[in-house]
Amino acid sequence: MELLVAVDGSEESDRALAYATDIANATDGSITLIHVIEPDVYDAGGGEPISPSDRRDRLVIDSLDAAEEQGRAIVDEAIEFASERGQTVSGELLYGQPAKVISEYAEKGEFETLYVGHRGRSERTIEFLGSVARDVVERTTVPVTVVK
């Protein structure tokens, strides 16, 4: 069984990976990890240092290099976590709009299922900001397990 797990470093994606490793171990399956970097993200609040009270009003990423470094760290930590649970996994950084890229990658591969974490945001937040997990479920034909 070929499993795909989208990771973003959140507790929810860690739980999705833990669940996927349990399934892979039980079915003698293999896991591929992906992390999507969205290059269009930028600091919308100016160049001043960010105080804790400003953090909620600003969307920040230092640079594409910093995003790639952070993405590699997320994938490396996920690979280490999976290996501690008995899985040898591969990991890859991808670029673009996360829900679209995750869905397209899942459909192009030979994956039986896809695992994603979900933060459980309020309906109002989802309407305003969207939900990657929801968008992936709506876009892909690959079965998706959403772990909260």
N, C-alpha and C. Protein backbone atom coordinates (compact mmCIF):
# COMPACT_ATOMS: atom_id res chain seq x y z
N MET A 1 0.86 -1.18 0.00
CA MET A 1 0.00 0.00 0.00
C MET A 1 0.90 1.24 0.00
N GLU A 2 0.66 2.13 -0.92
CA GLU A 2 1.41 3.38 -1.04
C GLU A 2 0.61 4.51 -0.39
N LEU A 3 1.19 5.13 0.66
CA LEU A 3 0.51 6.19 1.40
C LEU A 3 1.24 7.51 1.18
N LEU A 4 0.48 8.59 1.05
CA LEU A 4 1.02 9.93 0.93
C LEU A 4 0.60 10.73 2.15
N VAL A 5 1.56 11.42 2.77
CA VAL A 5 1.26 12.24 3.94
C VAL A 5 1.77 13.65 3.68
N ALA A 6 0.86 14.62 3.78
CA ALA A 6 1.23 16.03 3.67
C ALA A 6 1.57 16.53 5.06
N VAL A 7 2.78 17.09 5.21
CA VAL A 7 3.21 17.57 6.53
C VAL A 7 3.49 19.06 6.48
N ASP A 8 3.18 19.72 7.60
CA ASP A 8 3.45 21.16 7.69
C ASP A 8 4.08 21.56 9.03
N GLY A 9 4.46 20.57 9.83
CA GLY A 9 5.08 20.85 11.11
C GLY A 9 4.11 21.06 12.25
N SER A 10 2.82 21.03 11.98
CA SER A 10 1.82 21.23 13.03
C SER A 10 1.59 19.94 13.81
N GLU A 11 1.00 20.07 14.99
CA GLU A 11 0.64 18.89 15.77
C GLU A 11 -0.33 18.01 14.99
N GLU A 12 -1.22 18.64 14.24
CA GLU A 12 -2.21 17.88 13.48
C GLU A 12 -1.55 17.05 12.38
N SER A 13 -0.57 17.62 11.68
CA SER A 13 0.10 16.83 10.64
C SER A 13 0.96 15.75 11.28
N ASP A 14 1.51 16.00 12.47
CA ASP A 14 2.24 14.96 13.20
C ASP A 14 1.32 13.79 13.54
N ARG A 15 0.10 14.11 13.96
CA ARG A 15 -0.87 13.05 14.27
C ARG A 15 -1.26 12.29 13.00
N ALA A 16 -1.39 13.00 11.88
CA ALA A 16 -1.70 12.34 10.61
C ALA A 16 -0.58 11.39 10.22
N LEU A 17 0.67 11.81 10.41
CA LEU A 17 1.81 10.96 10.11
C LEU A 17 1.84 9.74 11.05
N ALA A 18 1.57 9.95 12.32
CA ALA A 18 1.54 8.83 13.27
C ALA A 18 0.49 7.80 12.86
N TYR A 19 -0.68 8.29 12.47
CA TYR A 19 -1.75 7.39 12.03
C TYR A 19 -1.34 6.65 10.77
N ALA A 20 -0.74 7.38 9.82
CA ALA A 20 -0.30 6.75 8.57
C ALA A 20 0.78 5.70 8.82
N THR A 21 1.70 5.95 9.77
CA THR A 21 2.73 4.95 10.05
C THR A 21 2.12 3.69 10.66
N ASP A 22 1.09 3.86 11.48
CA ASP A 22 0.40 2.69 12.02
C ASP A 22 -0.22 1.86 10.90
N ILE A 23 -0.86 2.53 9.95
CA ILE A 23 -1.49 1.84 8.82
C ILE A 23 -0.42 1.18 7.95
N ALA A 24 0.65 1.91 7.65
CA ALA A 24 1.72 1.36 6.82
C ALA A 24 2.36 0.14 7.48
N ASN A 25 2.58 0.22 8.79
CA ASN A 25 3.16 -0.92 9.50
C ASN A 25 2.23 -2.13 9.46
N ALA A 26 0.95 -1.90 9.58
CA ALA A 26 -0.03 -3.00 9.59
C ALA A 26 -0.23 -3.62 8.21
N THR A 27 0.02 -2.85 7.15
CA THR A 27 -0.25 -3.34 5.80
C THR A 27 1.02 -3.56 4.98
N ASP A 28 2.18 -3.44 5.64
CA ASP A 28 3.47 -3.54 4.94
C ASP A 28 3.54 -2.50 3.82
N GLY A 29 3.02 -1.31 4.12
CA GLY A 29 2.98 -0.24 3.14
C GLY A 29 4.19 0.66 3.20
N SER A 30 4.21 1.63 2.30
CA SER A 30 5.29 2.62 2.29
C SER A 30 4.69 4.02 2.30
N ILE A 31 5.49 4.97 2.79
CA ILE A 31 5.01 6.34 2.95
C ILE A 31 5.89 7.30 2.17
N THR A 32 5.24 8.24 1.50
CA THR A 32 5.91 9.39 0.90
C THR A 32 5.40 10.62 1.61
N LEU A 33 6.33 11.49 2.01
CA LEU A 33 5.97 12.75 2.68
C LEU A 33 6.14 13.90 1.70
N ILE A 34 5.23 14.87 1.78
CA ILE A 34 5.42 16.10 1.02
C ILE A 34 5.14 17.30 1.91
N HIS A 35 5.86 18.37 1.62
CA HIS A 35 5.62 19.66 2.27
C HIS A 35 5.57 20.68 1.14
N VAL A 36 4.55 21.52 1.15
CA VAL A 36 4.36 22.50 0.08
C VAL A 36 4.74 23.89 0.56
N ILE A 37 5.60 24.53 -0.21
CA ILE A 37 6.00 25.91 0.04
C ILE A 37 5.21 26.78 -0.91
N GLU A 38 4.58 27.80 -0.35
CA GLU A 38 3.80 28.72 -1.16
C GLU A 38 4.61 30.00 -1.36
N PRO A 39 5.31 30.14 -2.51
CA PRO A 39 6.20 31.28 -2.71
C PRO A 39 5.51 32.64 -2.73
N ASP A 40 4.20 32.67 -2.89
CA ASP A 40 3.49 33.94 -2.96
C ASP A 40 3.28 34.61 -1.62
N VAL A 41 3.60 33.91 -0.52
CA VAL A 41 3.38 34.46 0.81
C VAL A 41 4.41 35.55 1.07
N TYR A 42 3.99 36.64 1.65
CA TYR A 42 4.90 37.75 1.91
C TYR A 42 4.46 38.49 3.16
N ASP A 43 5.29 39.41 3.63
CA ASP A 43 4.97 40.20 4.82
C ASP A 43 4.03 41.32 4.39
N ALA A 44 2.82 41.26 4.87
CA ALA A 44 1.82 42.25 4.49
C ALA A 44 1.73 43.40 5.48
N GLY A 45 2.61 43.39 6.49
CA GLY A 45 2.48 44.39 7.54
C GLY A 45 3.59 45.40 7.63
N GLY A 46 4.58 45.32 6.77
CA GLY A 46 5.67 46.28 6.82
C GLY A 46 6.95 45.65 7.31
N GLY A 47 7.99 46.46 7.41
CA GLY A 47 9.31 45.95 7.74
C GLY A 47 9.69 46.02 9.19
N GLU A 48 8.83 46.51 10.04
CA GLU A 48 9.15 46.63 11.46
C GLU A 48 9.16 45.26 12.13
N PRO A 49 9.92 45.12 13.21
CA PRO A 49 9.88 43.86 13.96
C PRO A 49 8.45 43.55 14.42
N ILE A 50 8.18 42.28 14.55
CA ILE A 50 6.82 41.84 14.89
C ILE A 50 6.70 41.63 16.40
N SER A 51 5.76 42.32 16.99
CA SER A 51 5.47 42.10 18.40
C SER A 51 4.41 41.00 18.49
N PRO A 52 4.30 40.35 19.65
CA PRO A 52 3.29 39.31 19.79
C PRO A 52 1.88 39.80 19.45
N SER A 53 1.56 41.04 19.76
CA SER A 53 0.21 41.54 19.45
C SER A 53 0.02 41.78 17.96
N ASP A 54 1.11 42.04 17.21
CA ASP A 54 1.01 42.24 15.76
C ASP A 54 0.95 40.94 14.99
N ARG A 55 1.40 39.85 15.59
CA ARG A 55 1.56 38.59 14.87
C ARG A 55 0.28 38.16 14.16
N ARG A 56 -0.87 38.35 14.81
CA ARG A 56 -2.13 37.90 14.20
C ARG A 56 -2.54 38.74 13.00
N ASP A 57 -1.97 39.94 12.86
CA ASP A 57 -2.35 40.83 11.77
C ASP A 57 -1.37 40.81 10.61
N ARG A 58 -0.33 40.01 10.72
CA ARG A 58 0.69 40.00 9.67
C ARG A 58 0.98 38.59 9.21
N LEU A 59 1.15 38.45 7.94
CA LEU A 59 1.52 37.19 7.32
C LEU A 59 2.98 37.34 6.91
N VAL A 60 3.85 36.50 7.47
CA VAL A 60 5.28 36.75 7.32
C VAL A 60 6.01 35.52 6.82
N ILE A 61 6.91 35.74 5.90
CA ILE A 61 7.90 34.75 5.54
C ILE A 61 9.14 35.53 5.14
N ASP A 62 10.29 35.16 5.65
CA ASP A 62 11.50 35.94 5.43
C ASP A 62 11.93 35.94 3.97
N SER A 63 11.99 34.78 3.36
CA SER A 63 12.41 34.66 1.98
C SER A 63 12.14 33.25 1.52
N LEU A 64 12.28 33.03 0.23
CA LEU A 64 12.10 31.68 -0.29
C LEU A 64 13.16 30.76 0.30
N ASP A 65 14.39 31.26 0.46
CA ASP A 65 15.45 30.44 1.06
C ASP A 65 15.07 30.01 2.47
N ALA A 66 14.54 30.95 3.25
CA ALA A 66 14.13 30.63 4.62
C ALA A 66 12.98 29.63 4.61
N ALA A 67 12.05 29.79 3.67
CA ALA A 67 10.92 28.86 3.57
C ALA A 67 11.41 27.46 3.20
N GLU A 68 12.37 27.39 2.28
CA GLU A 68 12.92 26.10 1.91
C GLU A 68 13.66 25.45 3.08
N GLU A 69 14.42 26.24 3.81
CA GLU A 69 15.13 25.73 4.98
C GLU A 69 14.14 25.19 6.01
N GLN A 70 13.10 25.96 6.27
CA GLN A 70 12.07 25.52 7.22
C GLN A 70 11.37 24.27 6.69
N GLY A 71 11.05 24.24 5.40
CA GLY A 71 10.39 23.08 4.81
C GLY A 71 11.23 21.83 4.90
N ARG A 72 12.54 21.96 4.62
CA ARG A 72 13.44 20.81 4.74
C ARG A 72 13.48 20.31 6.19
N ALA A 73 13.50 21.24 7.14
CA ALA A 73 13.51 20.85 8.55
C ALA A 73 12.23 20.09 8.91
N ILE A 74 11.10 20.55 8.40
CA ILE A 74 9.83 19.87 8.65
C ILE A 74 9.85 18.46 8.08
N VAL A 75 10.32 18.32 6.84
CA VAL A 75 10.39 17.01 6.20
C VAL A 75 11.39 16.12 6.93
N ASP A 76 12.56 16.65 7.29
CA ASP A 76 13.56 15.85 8.00
C ASP A 76 13.04 15.35 9.35
N GLU A 77 12.33 16.22 10.09
CA GLU A 77 11.76 15.80 11.37
C GLU A 77 10.71 14.73 11.18
N ALA A 78 9.91 14.86 10.12
CA ALA A 78 8.88 13.86 9.84
C ALA A 78 9.52 12.52 9.45
N ILE A 79 10.59 12.57 8.66
CA ILE A 79 11.29 11.34 8.28
C ILE A 79 11.85 10.66 9.53
N GLU A 80 12.45 11.44 10.42
CA GLU A 80 13.00 10.89 11.66
C GLU A 80 11.90 10.27 12.51
N PHE A 81 10.77 10.97 12.63
CA PHE A 81 9.63 10.46 13.40
C PHE A 81 9.15 9.13 12.83
N ALA A 82 9.00 9.06 11.51
CA ALA A 82 8.51 7.84 10.87
C ALA A 82 9.52 6.70 11.04
N SER A 83 10.81 7.02 10.94
CA SER A 83 11.82 5.97 11.09
C SER A 83 11.82 5.41 12.52
N GLU A 84 11.56 6.26 13.51
CA GLU A 84 11.45 5.79 14.88
C GLU A 84 10.26 4.85 15.05
N ARG A 85 9.29 4.96 14.17
CA ARG A 85 8.10 4.10 14.21
C ARG A 85 8.21 2.93 13.23
N GLY A 86 9.43 2.71 12.69
CA GLY A 86 9.66 1.53 11.87
C GLY A 86 9.46 1.71 10.37
N GLN A 87 9.31 2.93 9.92
CA GLN A 87 9.08 3.18 8.49
C GLN A 87 10.28 3.87 7.85
N THR A 88 10.63 3.44 6.67
CA THR A 88 11.60 4.15 5.85
C THR A 88 10.78 4.94 4.85
N VAL A 89 10.90 6.25 4.90
CA VAL A 89 10.06 7.10 4.05
C VAL A 89 10.92 8.01 3.20
N SER A 90 10.32 8.49 2.13
CA SER A 90 10.96 9.52 1.32
C SER A 90 10.19 10.81 1.52
N GLY A 91 10.86 11.93 1.32
CA GLY A 91 10.21 13.22 1.51
C GLY A 91 10.58 14.17 0.40
N GLU A 92 9.69 15.09 0.10
CA GLU A 92 9.91 16.00 -1.00
C GLU A 92 9.30 17.37 -0.70
N LEU A 93 10.01 18.42 -1.12
CA LEU A 93 9.47 19.78 -1.07
C LEU A 93 8.83 20.08 -2.41
N LEU A 94 7.64 20.66 -2.36
CA LEU A 94 6.94 21.07 -3.57
C LEU A 94 6.60 22.55 -3.45
N TYR A 95 6.23 23.17 -4.55
CA TYR A 95 5.99 24.61 -4.57
C TYR A 95 4.64 24.93 -5.21
N GLY A 96 3.92 25.88 -4.60
CA GLY A 96 2.66 26.32 -5.16
C GLY A 96 1.58 26.44 -4.10
N GLN A 97 0.35 26.52 -4.55
CA GLN A 97 -0.80 26.62 -3.65
C GLN A 97 -1.01 25.25 -3.03
N PRO A 98 -0.92 25.12 -1.69
CA PRO A 98 -0.88 23.80 -1.05
C PRO A 98 -1.99 22.83 -1.44
N ALA A 99 -3.24 23.21 -1.38
CA ALA A 99 -4.32 22.26 -1.68
C ALA A 99 -4.23 21.76 -3.11
N LYS A 100 -3.93 22.63 -4.02
CA LYS A 100 -3.83 22.25 -5.44
C LYS A 100 -2.64 21.32 -5.66
N VAL A 101 -1.49 21.68 -5.11
CA VAL A 101 -0.28 20.89 -5.31
C VAL A 101 -0.41 19.51 -4.66
N ILE A 102 -0.93 19.47 -3.44
CA ILE A 102 -1.12 18.19 -2.75
C ILE A 102 -2.05 17.29 -3.56
N SER A 103 -3.16 17.83 -4.02
CA SER A 103 -4.14 17.05 -4.79
C SER A 103 -3.54 16.53 -6.08
N GLU A 104 -2.84 17.40 -6.81
CA GLU A 104 -2.24 16.99 -8.08
C GLU A 104 -1.17 15.93 -7.87
N TYR A 105 -0.34 16.09 -6.85
CA TYR A 105 0.71 15.12 -6.57
C TYR A 105 0.10 13.77 -6.21
N ALA A 106 -0.95 13.78 -5.40
CA ALA A 106 -1.61 12.54 -5.00
C ALA A 106 -2.18 11.81 -6.21
N GLU A 107 -2.76 12.55 -7.14
CA GLU A 107 -3.38 11.92 -8.30
C GLU A 107 -2.36 11.43 -9.32
N LYS A 108 -1.22 12.09 -9.41
CA LYS A 108 -0.18 11.66 -10.35
C LYS A 108 0.56 10.43 -9.87
N GLY A 109 0.62 10.25 -8.56
CA GLY A 109 1.34 9.11 -7.99
C GLY A 109 0.47 7.87 -7.95
N GLU A 110 1.04 6.82 -7.44
CA GLU A 110 0.34 5.54 -7.31
C GLU A 110 -0.14 5.36 -5.87
N PHE A 111 -0.72 6.39 -5.30
CA PHE A 111 -1.10 6.37 -3.89
C PHE A 111 -2.51 5.83 -3.69
N GLU A 112 -2.63 4.93 -2.71
CA GLU A 112 -3.96 4.42 -2.38
C GLU A 112 -4.73 5.40 -1.51
N THR A 113 -4.00 6.18 -0.72
CA THR A 113 -4.66 7.12 0.17
C THR A 113 -3.72 8.26 0.54
N LEU A 114 -4.31 9.34 1.00
CA LEU A 114 -3.61 10.56 1.39
C LEU A 114 -4.02 10.92 2.80
N TYR A 115 -3.06 11.32 3.63
CA TYR A 115 -3.32 11.73 5.01
C TYR A 115 -2.95 13.20 5.17
N VAL A 116 -3.85 13.97 5.76
CA VAL A 116 -3.60 15.38 6.05
C VAL A 116 -4.09 15.69 7.46
N GLY A 117 -3.44 16.65 8.09
CA GLY A 117 -3.91 17.14 9.38
C GLY A 117 -4.87 18.28 9.17
N HIS A 118 -5.70 18.52 10.18
CA HIS A 118 -6.67 19.63 10.11
C HIS A 118 -6.71 20.29 11.47
N ARG A 119 -6.59 21.62 11.48
CA ARG A 119 -6.51 22.36 12.74
C ARG A 119 -7.86 22.58 13.41
N GLY A 120 -8.94 22.33 12.74
CA GLY A 120 -10.24 22.50 13.37
C GLY A 120 -10.63 23.96 13.57
N ARG A 121 -10.34 24.78 12.59
CA ARG A 121 -10.72 26.19 12.68
C ARG A 121 -12.22 26.35 12.63
N SER A 122 -12.68 27.50 13.09
CA SER A 122 -14.11 27.78 13.08
C SER A 122 -14.60 27.92 11.64
N GLU A 123 -15.90 27.73 11.45
CA GLU A 123 -16.48 27.89 10.11
C GLU A 123 -16.22 29.29 9.55
N ARG A 124 -16.27 30.28 10.39
CA ARG A 124 -16.04 31.65 9.93
C ARG A 124 -14.60 31.82 9.44
N THR A 125 -13.65 31.27 10.18
CA THR A 125 -12.25 31.34 9.76
C THR A 125 -12.06 30.60 8.45
N ILE A 126 -12.67 29.43 8.31
CA ILE A 126 -12.54 28.66 7.08
C ILE A 126 -13.12 29.44 5.90
N GLU A 127 -14.26 30.10 6.10
CA GLU A 127 -14.84 30.91 5.02
C GLU A 127 -13.91 32.03 4.60
N PHE A 128 -13.24 32.65 5.56
CA PHE A 128 -12.37 33.77 5.27
C PHE A 128 -11.01 33.33 4.74
N LEU A 129 -10.37 32.37 5.41
CA LEU A 129 -9.02 31.95 5.06
C LEU A 129 -8.97 30.67 4.25
N GLY A 130 -9.99 29.86 4.34
CA GLY A 130 -9.97 28.57 3.67
C GLY A 130 -9.36 27.50 4.57
N SER A 131 -9.43 26.29 4.13
CA SER A 131 -8.87 25.16 4.85
C SER A 131 -8.19 24.27 3.82
N VAL A 132 -6.90 24.05 3.98
CA VAL A 132 -6.17 23.20 3.04
C VAL A 132 -6.79 21.80 3.04
N ALA A 133 -7.06 21.25 4.22
CA ALA A 133 -7.63 19.90 4.29
C ALA A 133 -8.96 19.82 3.54
N ARG A 134 -9.83 20.79 3.77
CA ARG A 134 -11.12 20.79 3.08
C ARG A 134 -10.94 20.90 1.57
N ASP A 135 -10.05 21.79 1.15
CA ASP A 135 -9.82 21.98 -0.28
C ASP A 135 -9.23 20.73 -0.93
N VAL A 136 -8.34 20.03 -0.21
CA VAL A 136 -7.77 18.79 -0.74
C VAL A 136 -8.87 17.75 -0.91
N VAL A 137 -9.73 17.60 0.09
CA VAL A 137 -10.83 16.64 0.00
C VAL A 137 -11.72 16.95 -1.20
N GLU A 138 -11.99 18.23 -1.43
CA GLU A 138 -12.86 18.62 -2.54
C GLU A 138 -12.19 18.46 -3.91
N ARG A 139 -10.88 18.55 -3.97
CA ARG A 139 -10.16 18.53 -5.26
C ARG A 139 -9.76 17.14 -5.75
N THR A 140 -9.38 16.26 -4.84
CA THR A 140 -8.75 15.02 -5.27
C THR A 140 -9.72 13.85 -5.36
N THR A 141 -9.35 12.90 -6.21
CA THR A 141 -10.14 11.66 -6.33
C THR A 141 -9.50 10.55 -5.49
N VAL A 142 -8.31 10.81 -4.93
CA VAL A 142 -7.65 9.85 -4.05
C VAL A 142 -8.35 9.90 -2.69
N PRO A 143 -8.62 8.75 -2.08
CA PRO A 143 -9.22 8.78 -0.75
C PRO A 143 -8.34 9.56 0.24
N VAL A 144 -8.98 10.40 1.06
CA VAL A 144 -8.26 11.26 1.99
C VAL A 144 -8.72 10.94 3.42
N THR A 145 -7.73 10.79 4.30
CA THR A 145 -8.01 10.68 5.72
C THR A 145 -7.57 11.98 6.36
N VAL A 146 -8.53 12.67 7.00
CA VAL A 146 -8.24 13.94 7.66
C VAL A 146 -8.13 13.65 9.15
N VAL A 147 -7.00 14.02 9.74
CA VAL A 147 -6.73 13.74 11.15
C VAL A 147 -6.70 15.06 11.90
N LYS A 148 -7.48 15.13 12.95
CA LYS A 148 -7.58 16.35 13.76
C LYS A 148 -6.83 16.19 15.05
